[in-house]
Amino acid sequence: MNAPSDLSMKTDDVLRFELEVLRQEHRDLDEAIRAMQDLGTSDQLTIQRLKKKKLQLKDKIAIIDDRLTPDIIA
């Protein structure tokens, strides 16, 4: 088991901080991709890699968000 990435070992405060850092990184990547596309001279491979990284961040954000949001049985 990889302790640094194990969500069950982290407090909610730590997870909230990590969530905000990941969201900021996701926004930064979005801005970088948009800027590269607007220039029109950017490398498509680089854009693809940035988009893949952005999707990975989105998945991590969803996992942490699910961990922080309690299940409510109605």
PDB file of N, CA and C in Angstrom:
ATOM      1  N   MET A   1       0.834  -1.167   0.000  1.00  0.00           N
ATOM      2  CA  MET A   1       0.000   0.000   0.000  1.00  0.00           C
ATOM      3  C   MET A   1       0.887   1.241   0.000  1.00  0.00           C
ATOM      4  N   ASN A   2       0.502   2.205  -0.817  1.00  0.00           N
ATOM      5  CA  ASN A   2       1.263   3.437  -0.932  1.00  0.00           C
ATOM      6  C   ASN A   2       0.675   4.462   0.025  1.00  0.00           C
ATOM      7  N   ALA A   3       1.299   4.685   1.138  1.00  0.00           N
ATOM      8  CA  ALA A   3       0.764   5.532   2.203  1.00  0.00           C
ATOM      9  C   ALA A   3       0.483   6.975   1.775  1.00  0.00           C
ATOM     10  N   PRO A   4       1.367   7.656   1.016  1.00  0.00           N
ATOM     11  CA  PRO A   4       1.074   9.043   0.667  1.00  0.00           C
ATOM     12  C   PRO A   4      -0.193   9.222  -0.157  1.00  0.00           C
ATOM     13  N   SER A   5      -0.571   8.250  -0.961  1.00  0.00           N
ATOM     14  CA  SER A   5      -1.763   8.391  -1.789  1.00  0.00           C
ATOM     15  C   SER A   5      -2.984   7.704  -1.185  1.00  0.00           C
ATOM     16  N   ASP A   6      -2.841   7.093  -0.023  1.00  0.00           N
ATOM     17  CA  ASP A   6      -3.945   6.403   0.630  1.00  0.00           C
ATOM     18  C   ASP A   6      -4.850   7.420   1.314  1.00  0.00           C
ATOM     19  N   LEU A   7      -6.049   7.603   0.763  1.00  0.00           N
ATOM     20  CA  LEU A   7      -6.960   8.613   1.280  1.00  0.00           C
ATOM     21  C   LEU A   7      -7.470   8.286   2.671  1.00  0.00           C
ATOM     22  N   SER A   8      -7.551   7.018   3.007  1.00  0.00           N
ATOM     23  CA  SER A   8      -8.102   6.643   4.306  1.00  0.00           C
ATOM     24  C   SER A   8      -7.184   7.059   5.453  1.00  0.00           C
ATOM     25  N   MET A   9      -5.928   7.334   5.171  1.00  0.00           N
ATOM     26  CA  MET A   9      -4.970   7.705   6.210  1.00  0.00           C
ATOM     27  C   MET A   9      -4.877   9.222   6.402  1.00  0.00           C
ATOM     28  N   LYS A  10      -5.615   9.998   5.610  1.00  0.00           N
ATOM     29  CA  LYS A  10      -5.518  11.446   5.668  1.00  0.00           C
ATOM     30  C   LYS A  10      -6.753  12.039   6.337  1.00  0.00           C
ATOM     31  N   THR A  11      -6.549  13.122   7.055  1.00  0.00           N
ATOM     32  CA  THR A  11      -7.674  13.796   7.695  1.00  0.00           C
ATOM     33  C   THR A  11      -8.454  14.591   6.655  1.00  0.00           C
ATOM     34  N   ASP A  12      -9.676  14.950   7.022  1.00  0.00           N
ATOM     35  CA  ASP A  12     -10.504  15.729   6.110  1.00  0.00           C
ATOM     36  C   ASP A  12      -9.882  17.079   5.788  1.00  0.00           C
ATOM     37  N   ASP A  13      -9.215  17.684   6.762  1.00  0.00           N
ATOM     38  CA  ASP A  13      -8.567  18.976   6.520  1.00  0.00           C
ATOM     39  C   ASP A  13      -7.457  18.850   5.479  1.00  0.00           C
ATOM     40  N   VAL A  14      -6.684  17.800   5.580  1.00  0.00           N
ATOM     41  CA  VAL A  14      -5.614  17.568   4.605  1.00  0.00           C
ATOM     42  C   VAL A  14      -6.219  17.323   3.228  1.00  0.00           C
ATOM     43  N   LEU A  15      -7.284  16.550   3.176  1.00  0.00           N
ATOM     44  CA  LEU A  15      -7.941  16.267   1.898  1.00  0.00           C
ATOM     45  C   LEU A  15      -8.531  17.542   1.285  1.00  0.00           C
ATOM     46  N   ARG A  16      -9.113  18.397   2.100  1.00  0.00           N
ATOM     47  CA  ARG A  16      -9.661  19.659   1.588  1.00  0.00           C
ATOM     48  C   ARG A  16      -8.554  20.538   1.008  1.00  0.00           C
ATOM     49  N   PHE A  17      -7.410  20.570   1.682  1.00  0.00           N
ATOM     50  CA  PHE A  17      -6.277  21.343   1.176  1.00  0.00           C
ATOM     51  C   PHE A  17      -5.794  20.760  -0.155  1.00  0.00           C
ATOM     52  N   GLU A  18      -5.625  19.458  -0.211  1.00  0.00           N
ATOM     53  CA  GLU A  18      -5.183  18.803  -1.448  1.00  0.00           C
ATOM     54  C   GLU A  18      -6.194  19.032  -2.569  1.00  0.00           C
ATOM     55  N   LEU A  19      -7.473  19.003  -2.217  1.00  0.00           N
ATOM     56  CA  LEU A  19      -8.525  19.216  -3.204  1.00  0.00           C
ATOM     57  C   LEU A  19      -8.408  20.610  -3.812  1.00  0.00           C
ATOM     58  N   GLU A  20      -8.175  21.611  -2.984  1.00  0.00           N
ATOM     59  CA  GLU A  20      -8.034  22.978  -3.494  1.00  0.00           C
ATOM     60  C   GLU A  20      -6.788  23.109  -4.366  1.00  0.00           C
ATOM     61  N   VAL A  21      -5.691  22.463  -3.978  1.00  0.00           N
ATOM     62  CA  VAL A  21      -4.466  22.503  -4.787  1.00  0.00           C
ATOM     63  C   VAL A  21      -4.717  21.844  -6.148  1.00  0.00           C
ATOM     64  N   LEU A  22      -5.388  20.705  -6.153  1.00  0.00           N
ATOM     65  CA  LEU A  22      -5.681  20.004  -7.410  1.00  0.00           C
ATOM     66  C   LEU A  22      -6.609  20.830  -8.297  1.00  0.00           C
ATOM     67  N   ARG A  23      -7.605  21.463  -7.687  1.00  0.00           N
ATOM     68  CA  ARG A  23      -8.520  22.304  -8.472  1.00  0.00           C
ATOM     69  C   ARG A  23      -7.783  23.486  -9.096  1.00  0.00           C
ATOM     70  N   GLN A  24      -6.862  24.080  -8.348  1.00  0.00           N
ATOM     71  CA  GLN A  24      -6.086  25.191  -8.895  1.00  0.00           C
ATOM     72  C   GLN A  24      -5.200  24.717 -10.044  1.00  0.00           C
ATOM     73  N   GLU A  25      -4.574  23.569  -9.876  1.00  0.00           N
ATOM     74  CA  GLU A  25      -3.738  23.014 -10.945  1.00  0.00           C
ATOM     75  C   GLU A  25      -4.585  22.706 -12.181  1.00  0.00           C
ATOM     76  N   HIS A  26      -5.802  22.202 -11.973  1.00  0.00           N
ATOM     77  CA  HIS A  26      -6.720  21.907 -13.072  1.00  0.00           C
ATOM     78  C   HIS A  26      -7.076  23.200 -13.820  1.00  0.00           C
ATOM     79  N   ARG A  27      -7.366  24.279 -13.076  1.00  0.00           N
ATOM     80  CA  ARG A  27      -7.674  25.566 -13.704  1.00  0.00           C
ATOM     81  C   ARG A  27      -6.467  26.101 -14.470  1.00  0.00           C
ATOM     82  N   ASP A  28      -5.288  25.964 -13.894  1.00  0.00           N
ATOM     83  CA  ASP A  28      -4.064  26.433 -14.552  1.00  0.00           C
ATOM     84  C   ASP A  28      -3.827  25.693 -15.868  1.00  0.00           C
ATOM     85  N   LEU A  29      -4.033  24.382 -15.845  1.00  0.00           N
ATOM     86  CA  LEU A  29      -3.874  23.599 -17.076  1.00  0.00           C
ATOM     87  C   LEU A  29      -4.896  24.025 -18.125  1.00  0.00           C
ATOM     88  N   ASP A  30      -6.118  24.276 -17.693  1.00  0.00           N
ATOM     89  CA  ASP A  30      -7.166  24.714 -18.608  1.00  0.00           C
ATOM     90  C   ASP A  30      -6.771  26.027 -19.277  1.00  0.00           C
ATOM     91  N   GLU A  31      -6.248  26.951 -18.498  1.00  0.00           N
ATOM     92  CA  GLU A  31      -5.803  28.233 -19.043  1.00  0.00           C
ATOM     93  C   GLU A  31      -4.625  28.054 -19.995  1.00  0.00           C
ATOM     94  N   ALA A  32      -3.701  27.180 -19.644  1.00  0.00           N
ATOM     95  CA  ALA A  32      -2.530  26.934 -20.496  1.00  0.00           C
ATOM     96  C   ALA A  32      -2.959  26.324 -21.832  1.00  0.00           C
ATOM     97  N   ILE A  33      -3.863  25.374 -21.777  1.00  0.00           N
ATOM     98  CA  ILE A  33      -4.355  24.737 -23.005  1.00  0.00           C
ATOM     99  C   ILE A  33      -5.056  25.770 -23.881  1.00  0.00           C
ATOM    100  N   ARG A  34      -5.909  26.574 -23.266  1.00  0.00           N
ATOM    101  CA  ARG A  34      -6.636  27.596 -24.013  1.00  0.00           C
ATOM    102  C   ARG A  34      -5.667  28.592 -24.653  1.00  0.00           C
ATOM    103  N   ALA A  35      -4.647  29.007 -23.919  1.00  0.00           N
ATOM    104  CA  ALA A  35      -3.672  29.954 -24.449  1.00  0.00           C
ATOM    105  C   ALA A  35      -2.900  29.354 -25.618  1.00  0.00           C
ATOM    106  N   MET A  36      -2.521  28.089 -25.482  1.00  0.00           N
ATOM    107  CA  MET A  36      -1.783  27.428 -26.565  1.00  0.00           C
ATOM    108  C   MET A  36      -2.652  27.300 -27.812  1.00  0.00           C
ATOM    109  N   GLN A  37      -3.924  26.994 -27.623  1.00  0.00           N
ATOM    110  CA  GLN A  37      -4.821  26.861 -28.764  1.00  0.00           C
ATOM    111  C   GLN A  37      -5.085  28.211 -29.422  1.00  0.00           C
ATOM    112  N   ASP A  38      -5.169  29.258 -28.617  1.00  0.00           N
ATOM    113  CA  ASP A  38      -5.400  30.595 -29.161  1.00  0.00           C
ATOM    114  C   ASP A  38      -4.225  31.081 -29.996  1.00  0.00           C
ATOM    115  N   LEU A  39      -3.008  30.701 -29.599  1.00  0.00           N
ATOM    116  CA  LEU A  39      -1.830  31.090 -30.363  1.00  0.00           C
ATOM    117  C   LEU A  39      -1.800  30.430 -31.734  1.00  0.00           C
ATOM    118  N   GLY A  40      -2.305  29.208 -31.791  1.00  0.00           N
ATOM    119  CA  GLY A  40      -2.360  28.505 -33.064  1.00  0.00           C
ATOM    120  C   GLY A  40      -1.037  27.903 -33.507  1.00  0.00           C
ATOM    121  N   THR A  41       0.037  28.218 -32.846  1.00  0.00           N
ATOM    122  CA  THR A  41       1.345  27.697 -33.242  1.00  0.00           C
ATOM    123  C   THR A  41       1.822  26.599 -32.290  1.00  0.00           C
ATOM    124  N   SER A  42       0.923  26.152 -31.442  1.00  0.00           N
ATOM    125  CA  SER A  42       1.325  25.186 -30.423  1.00  0.00           C
ATOM    126  C   SER A  42       1.396  23.764 -30.973  1.00  0.00           C
ATOM    127  N   ASP A  43       2.141  22.953 -30.285  1.00  0.00           N
ATOM    128  CA  ASP A  43       2.335  21.558 -30.630  1.00  0.00           C
ATOM    129  C   ASP A  43       1.130  20.736 -30.165  1.00  0.00           C
ATOM    130  N   GLN A  44       0.503  20.030 -31.084  1.00  0.00           N
ATOM    131  CA  GLN A  44      -0.690  19.249 -30.745  1.00  0.00           C
ATOM    132  C   GLN A  44      -0.382  18.133 -29.744  1.00  0.00           C
ATOM    133  N   LEU A  45       0.793  17.575 -29.818  1.00  0.00           N
ATOM    134  CA  LEU A  45       1.179  16.528 -28.876  1.00  0.00           C
ATOM    135  C   LEU A  45       1.248  17.084 -27.454  1.00  0.00           C
ATOM    136  N   THR A  46       1.785  18.271 -27.325  1.00  0.00           N
ATOM    137  CA  THR A  46       1.854  18.916 -26.009  1.00  0.00           C
ATOM    138  C   THR A  46       0.454  19.189 -25.479  1.00  0.00           C
ATOM    139  N   ILE A  47      -0.425  19.662 -26.339  1.00  0.00           N
ATOM    140  CA  ILE A  47      -1.813  19.925 -25.930  1.00  0.00           C
ATOM    141  C   ILE A  47      -2.481  18.631 -25.493  1.00  0.00           C
ATOM    142  N   GLN A  48      -2.274  17.549 -26.228  1.00  0.00           N
ATOM    143  CA  GLN A  48      -2.851  16.255 -25.852  1.00  0.00           C
ATOM    144  C   GLN A  48      -2.348  15.806 -24.484  1.00  0.00           C
ATOM    145  N   ARG A  49      -1.064  15.987 -24.235  1.00  0.00           N
ATOM    146  CA  ARG A  49      -0.498  15.595 -22.939  1.00  0.00           C
ATOM    147  C   ARG A  49      -1.073  16.436 -21.804  1.00  0.00           C
ATOM    148  N   LEU A  50      -1.239  17.721 -22.048  1.00  0.00           N
ATOM    149  CA  LEU A  50      -1.829  18.583 -21.031  1.00  0.00           C
ATOM    150  C   LEU A  50      -3.288  18.208 -20.755  1.00  0.00           C
ATOM    151  N   LYS A  51      -4.017  17.867 -21.814  1.00  0.00           N
ATOM    152  CA  LYS A  51      -5.406  17.444 -21.642  1.00  0.00           C
ATOM    153  C   LYS A  51      -5.493  16.133 -20.863  1.00  0.00           C
ATOM    154  N   LYS A  52      -4.571  15.219 -21.132  1.00  0.00           N
ATOM    155  CA  LYS A  52      -4.542  13.952 -20.398  1.00  0.00           C
ATOM    156  C   LYS A  52      -4.251  14.204 -18.920  1.00  0.00           C
ATOM    157  N   LYS A  53      -3.306  15.078 -18.644  1.00  0.00           N
ATOM    158  CA  LYS A  53      -2.977  15.435 -17.262  1.00  0.00           C
ATOM    159  C   LYS A  53      -4.190  16.077 -16.582  1.00  0.00           C
ATOM    160  N   LYS A  54      -4.898  16.913 -17.325  1.00  0.00           N
ATOM    161  CA  LYS A  54      -6.093  17.573 -16.794  1.00  0.00           C
ATOM    162  C   LYS A  54      -7.165  16.540 -16.440  1.00  0.00           C
ATOM    163  N   LEU A  55      -7.346  15.531 -17.274  1.00  0.00           N
ATOM    164  CA  LEU A  55      -8.310  14.466 -16.984  1.00  0.00           C
ATOM    165  C   LEU A  55      -7.899  13.650 -15.765  1.00  0.00           C
ATOM    166  N   GLN A  56      -6.607  13.397 -15.617  1.00  0.00           N
ATOM    167  CA  GLN A  56      -6.127  12.684 -14.434  1.00  0.00           C
ATOM    168  C   GLN A  56      -6.404  13.494 -13.168  1.00  0.00           C
ATOM    169  N   LEU A  57      -6.198  14.792 -13.245  1.00  0.00           N
ATOM    170  CA  LEU A  57      -6.497  15.658 -12.102  1.00  0.00           C
ATOM    171  C   LEU A  57      -7.989  15.641 -11.790  1.00  0.00           C
ATOM    172  N   LYS A  58      -8.802  15.652 -12.836  1.00  0.00           N
ATOM    173  CA  LYS A  58     -10.254  15.611 -12.646  1.00  0.00           C
ATOM    174  C   LYS A  58     -10.663  14.334 -11.915  1.00  0.00           C
ATOM    175  N   ASP A  59     -10.054  13.221 -12.278  1.00  0.00           N
ATOM    176  CA  ASP A  59     -10.345  11.954 -11.602  1.00  0.00           C
ATOM    177  C   ASP A  59      -9.937  12.000 -10.134  1.00  0.00           C
ATOM    178  N   LYS A  60      -8.752  12.554  -9.847  1.00  0.00           N
ATOM    179  CA  LYS A  60      -8.296  12.670  -8.458  1.00  0.00           C
ATOM    180  C   LYS A  60      -9.226  13.582  -7.657  1.00  0.00           C
ATOM    181  N   ILE A  61      -9.654  14.675  -8.283  1.00  0.00           N
ATOM    182  CA  ILE A  61     -10.572  15.605  -7.630  1.00  0.00           C
ATOM    183  C   ILE A  61     -11.873  14.893  -7.281  1.00  0.00           C
ATOM    184  N   ALA A  62     -12.393  14.110  -8.217  1.00  0.00           N
ATOM    185  CA  ALA A  62     -13.643  13.391  -7.975  1.00  0.00           C
ATOM    186  C   ALA A  62     -13.503  12.383  -6.832  1.00  0.00           C
ATOM    187  N   ILE A  63     -12.389  11.696  -6.769  1.00  0.00           N
ATOM    188  CA  ILE A  63     -12.160  10.701  -5.710  1.00  0.00           C
ATOM    189  C   ILE A  63     -12.123  11.378  -4.341  1.00  0.00           C
ATOM    190  N   ILE A  64     -11.378  12.476  -4.247  1.00  0.00           N
ATOM    191  CA  ILE A  64     -11.286  13.180  -2.963  1.00  0.00           C
ATOM    192  C   ILE A  64     -12.621  13.808  -2.598  1.00  0.00           C
ATOM    193  N   ASP A  65     -13.303  14.368  -3.582  1.00  0.00           N
ATOM    194  CA  ASP A  65     -14.603  14.985  -3.331  1.00  0.00           C
ATOM    195  C   ASP A  65     -15.608  13.945  -2.826  1.00  0.00           C
ATOM    196  N   ASP A  66     -15.589  12.757  -3.407  1.00  0.00           N
ATOM    197  CA  ASP A  66     -16.459  11.668  -2.941  1.00  0.00           C
ATOM    198  C   ASP A  66     -16.117  11.269  -1.510  1.00  0.00           C
ATOM    199  N   ARG A  67     -14.846  11.275  -1.188  1.00  0.00           N
ATOM    200  CA  ARG A  67     -14.402  10.905   0.168  1.00  0.00           C
ATOM    201  C   ARG A  67     -14.886  11.918   1.200  1.00  0.00           C
ATOM    202  N   LEU A  68     -14.894  13.192   0.793  1.00  0.00           N
ATOM    203  CA  LEU A  68     -15.286  14.260   1.712  1.00  0.00           C
ATOM    204  C   LEU A  68     -16.805  14.438   1.831  1.00  0.00           C
ATOM    205  N   THR A  69     -17.532  14.006   0.803  1.00  0.00           N
ATOM    206  CA  THR A  69     -18.984  14.156   0.800  1.00  0.00           C
ATOM    207  C   THR A  69     -19.617  12.925   1.412  1.00  0.00           C
ATOM    208  N   PRO A  70     -20.322  13.097   2.520  1.00  0.00           N
ATOM    209  CA  PRO A  70     -20.930  11.941   3.162  1.00  0.00           C
ATOM    210  C   PRO A  70     -22.080  11.376   2.330  1.00  0.00           C
ATOM    211  N   ASP A  71     -22.232  10.063   2.404  1.00  0.00           N
ATOM    212  CA  ASP A  71     -23.348   9.407   1.734  1.00  0.00           C
ATOM    213  C   ASP A  71     -24.618   9.675   2.542  1.00  0.00           C
ATOM    214  N   ILE A  72     -25.616  10.176   1.865  1.00  0.00           N
ATOM    215  CA  ILE A  72     -26.889  10.464   2.531  1.00  0.00           C
ATOM    216  C   ILE A  72     -27.922   9.514   1.962  1.00  0.00           C
ATOM    217  N   ILE A  73     -28.451   8.694   2.838  1.00  0.00           N
ATOM    218  CA  ILE A  73     -29.487   7.756   2.420  1.00  0.00           C
ATOM    219  C   ILE A  73     -30.834   8.407   2.721  1.00  0.00           C
ATOM    220  N   ALA A  74     -31.585   8.661   1.671  1.00  0.00           N
ATOM    221  CA  ALA A  74     -32.875   9.344   1.856  1.00  0.00           C
ATOM    222  C   ALA A  74     -34.004   8.352   1.985  1.00  0.00           C
TER     223      ALA A  74
END
